[in-house]
Amino acid sequence: MFFYVYLITSLAKNKTISYVGYTKDIKNRLKLHNSGKGAKFTRGKKWKLVYQKKYTSKKKAMIEEYKLKKNYKLRKKLKNE
């Protein structure tokens, strides 16, 4: 089983915002975010997947998710690729 760390973006008030998370099923998770059933922060916005990376363990994915959440420079770089 694989786990994915992902970065999604949305346009809000003429500003691009981003959200980082991890999941087992990337397509379903994006669908949940866009239907308003994802994380509270993501509700009511249209999200686009801009980055994903696959990991072989949940622990590794969670560690990388935490690093990406805290590293705003890297998030900005990934958004612009």
C-alpha atoms as a PDB file:
ATOM      1  CA  MET A   1       0.000   0.000   0.000  1.00  0.00           C
ATOM      2  CA  PHE A   2       1.200   3.471  -0.857  1.00  0.00           C
ATOM      3  CA  PHE A   3       0.624   6.822   0.791  1.00  0.00           C
ATOM      4  CA  TYR A   4       0.762  10.176  -0.962  1.00  0.00           C
ATOM      5  CA  VAL A   5       1.768  13.624   0.206  1.00  0.00           C
ATOM      6  CA  TYR A   6      -0.013  16.250  -1.858  1.00  0.00           C
ATOM      7  CA  LEU A   7      -0.223  19.998  -2.368  1.00  0.00           C
ATOM      8  CA  ILE A   8      -3.414  21.577  -3.640  1.00  0.00           C
ATOM      9  CA  THR A   9      -4.041  25.212  -4.522  1.00  0.00           C
ATOM     10  CA  SER A  10      -7.047  27.461  -4.871  1.00  0.00           C
ATOM     11  CA  LEU A  11      -7.693  31.076  -5.769  1.00  0.00           C
ATOM     12  CA  ALA A  12      -9.279  33.103  -2.950  1.00  0.00           C
ATOM     13  CA  LYS A  13      -9.668  36.881  -3.029  1.00  0.00           C
ATOM     14  CA  ASN A  14      -7.182  37.198  -5.924  1.00  0.00           C
ATOM     15  CA  LYS A  15      -4.552  35.288  -3.932  1.00  0.00           C
ATOM     16  CA  THR A  16      -3.396  31.701  -4.396  1.00  0.00           C
ATOM     17  CA  ILE A  17      -3.669  29.661  -1.224  1.00  0.00           C
ATOM     18  CA  SER A  18      -2.338  26.154  -0.650  1.00  0.00           C
ATOM     19  CA  TYR A  19      -3.061  23.125   1.485  1.00  0.00           C
ATOM     20  CA  VAL A  20      -0.831  20.122   2.222  1.00  0.00           C
ATOM     21  CA  GLY A  21      -2.037  16.684   3.282  1.00  0.00           C
ATOM     22  CA  TYR A  22      -1.452  12.951   2.992  1.00  0.00           C
ATOM     23  CA  THR A  23      -3.746  10.156   1.892  1.00  0.00           C
ATOM     24  CA  LYS A  24      -3.976   6.605   0.554  1.00  0.00           C
ATOM     25  CA  ASP A  25      -6.310   7.577  -2.321  1.00  0.00           C
ATOM     26  CA  ILE A  26      -5.331  10.866  -3.959  1.00  0.00           C
ATOM     27  CA  LYS A  27      -8.254  11.033  -6.443  1.00  0.00           C
ATOM     28  CA  ASN A  28     -10.877  10.432  -3.758  1.00  0.00           C
ATOM     29  CA  ARG A  29      -9.224  12.899  -1.366  1.00  0.00           C
ATOM     30  CA  LEU A  30      -9.246  15.688  -3.977  1.00  0.00           C
ATOM     31  CA  LYS A  31     -12.887  14.880  -4.699  1.00  0.00           C
ATOM     32  CA  LEU A  32     -13.685  15.209  -0.972  1.00  0.00           C
ATOM     33  CA  HIS A  33     -11.886  18.570  -0.750  1.00  0.00           C
ATOM     34  CA  ASN A  34     -13.813  19.903  -3.749  1.00  0.00           C
ATOM     35  CA  SER A  35     -17.167  18.628  -2.470  1.00  0.00           C
ATOM     36  CA  GLY A  36     -16.786  20.389   0.895  1.00  0.00           C
ATOM     37  CA  LYS A  37     -16.159  17.214   2.887  1.00  0.00           C
ATOM     38  CA  GLY A  38     -12.401  17.557   3.263  1.00  0.00           C
ATOM     39  CA  ALA A  39     -10.533  19.479   5.922  1.00  0.00           C
ATOM     40  CA  LYS A  40     -12.361  22.499   7.357  1.00  0.00           C
ATOM     41  CA  PHE A  41      -9.835  24.914   5.796  1.00  0.00           C
ATOM     42  CA  THR A  42     -10.570  23.578   2.304  1.00  0.00           C
ATOM     43  CA  ARG A  43     -14.360  23.854   2.367  1.00  0.00           C
ATOM     44  CA  GLY A  44     -16.099  26.110  -0.125  1.00  0.00           C
ATOM     45  CA  LYS A  45     -13.164  26.422  -2.524  1.00  0.00           C
ATOM     46  CA  LYS A  46     -12.261  24.786  -5.837  1.00  0.00           C
ATOM     47  CA  TRP A  47      -8.929  22.952  -5.447  1.00  0.00           C
ATOM     48  CA  LYS A  48      -6.380  21.884  -8.023  1.00  0.00           C
ATOM     49  CA  LEU A  49      -3.702  19.242  -7.412  1.00  0.00           C
ATOM     50  CA  VAL A  50      -0.263  20.733  -8.139  1.00  0.00           C
ATOM     51  CA  TYR A  51       2.101  18.252  -6.448  1.00  0.00           C
ATOM     52  CA  GLN A  52       2.067  14.665  -5.232  1.00  0.00           C
ATOM     53  CA  LYS A  53       4.727  12.233  -4.058  1.00  0.00           C
ATOM     54  CA  LYS A  54       4.344   8.536  -3.288  1.00  0.00           C
ATOM     55  CA  TYR A  55       5.685   6.863  -0.116  1.00  0.00           C
ATOM     56  CA  THR A  56       5.793   3.227   0.939  1.00  0.00           C
ATOM     57  CA  SER A  57       4.834   3.826   4.568  1.00  0.00           C
ATOM     58  CA  LYS A  58       2.382   6.013   6.411  1.00  0.00           C
ATOM     59  CA  LYS A  59       5.093   7.145   8.831  1.00  0.00           C
ATOM     60  CA  LYS A  60       7.342   8.433   6.017  1.00  0.00           C
ATOM     61  CA  ALA A  61       4.401  10.217   4.390  1.00  0.00           C
ATOM     62  CA  MET A  62       3.412  11.891   7.657  1.00  0.00           C
ATOM     63  CA  ILE A  63       6.983  13.069   8.298  1.00  0.00           C
ATOM     64  CA  GLU A  64       7.236  14.557   4.789  1.00  0.00           C
ATOM     65  CA  GLU A  65       3.784  16.125   5.055  1.00  0.00           C
ATOM     66  CA  TYR A  66       4.836  17.877   8.270  1.00  0.00           C
ATOM     67  CA  LYS A  67       8.043  19.162   6.653  1.00  0.00           C
ATOM     68  CA  LEU A  68       6.174  20.481   3.609  1.00  0.00           C
ATOM     69  CA  LYS A  69       3.513  22.144   5.767  1.00  0.00           C
ATOM     70  CA  LYS A  70       6.191  24.116   7.614  1.00  0.00           C
ATOM     71  CA  ASN A  71       8.360  24.956   4.576  1.00  0.00           C
ATOM     72  CA  TYR A  72       6.530  27.869   2.907  1.00  0.00           C
ATOM     73  CA  LYS A  73       9.392  28.576   0.478  1.00  0.00           C
ATOM     74  CA  LEU A  74       9.206  25.024  -0.895  1.00  0.00           C
ATOM     75  CA  ARG A  75       5.398  25.207  -1.098  1.00  0.00           C
ATOM     76  CA  LYS A  76       5.666  28.425  -3.111  1.00  0.00           C
ATOM     77  CA  LYS A  77       8.245  26.831  -5.415  1.00  0.00           C
ATOM     78  CA  LEU A  78       6.057  23.746  -5.981  1.00  0.00           C
ATOM     79  CA  LYS A  79       2.989  25.924  -6.675  1.00  0.00           C
ATOM     80  CA  ASN A  80       4.830  27.716  -9.459  1.00  0.00           C
ATOM     81  CA  GLU A  81       6.160  24.613 -11.252  1.00  0.00           C
END
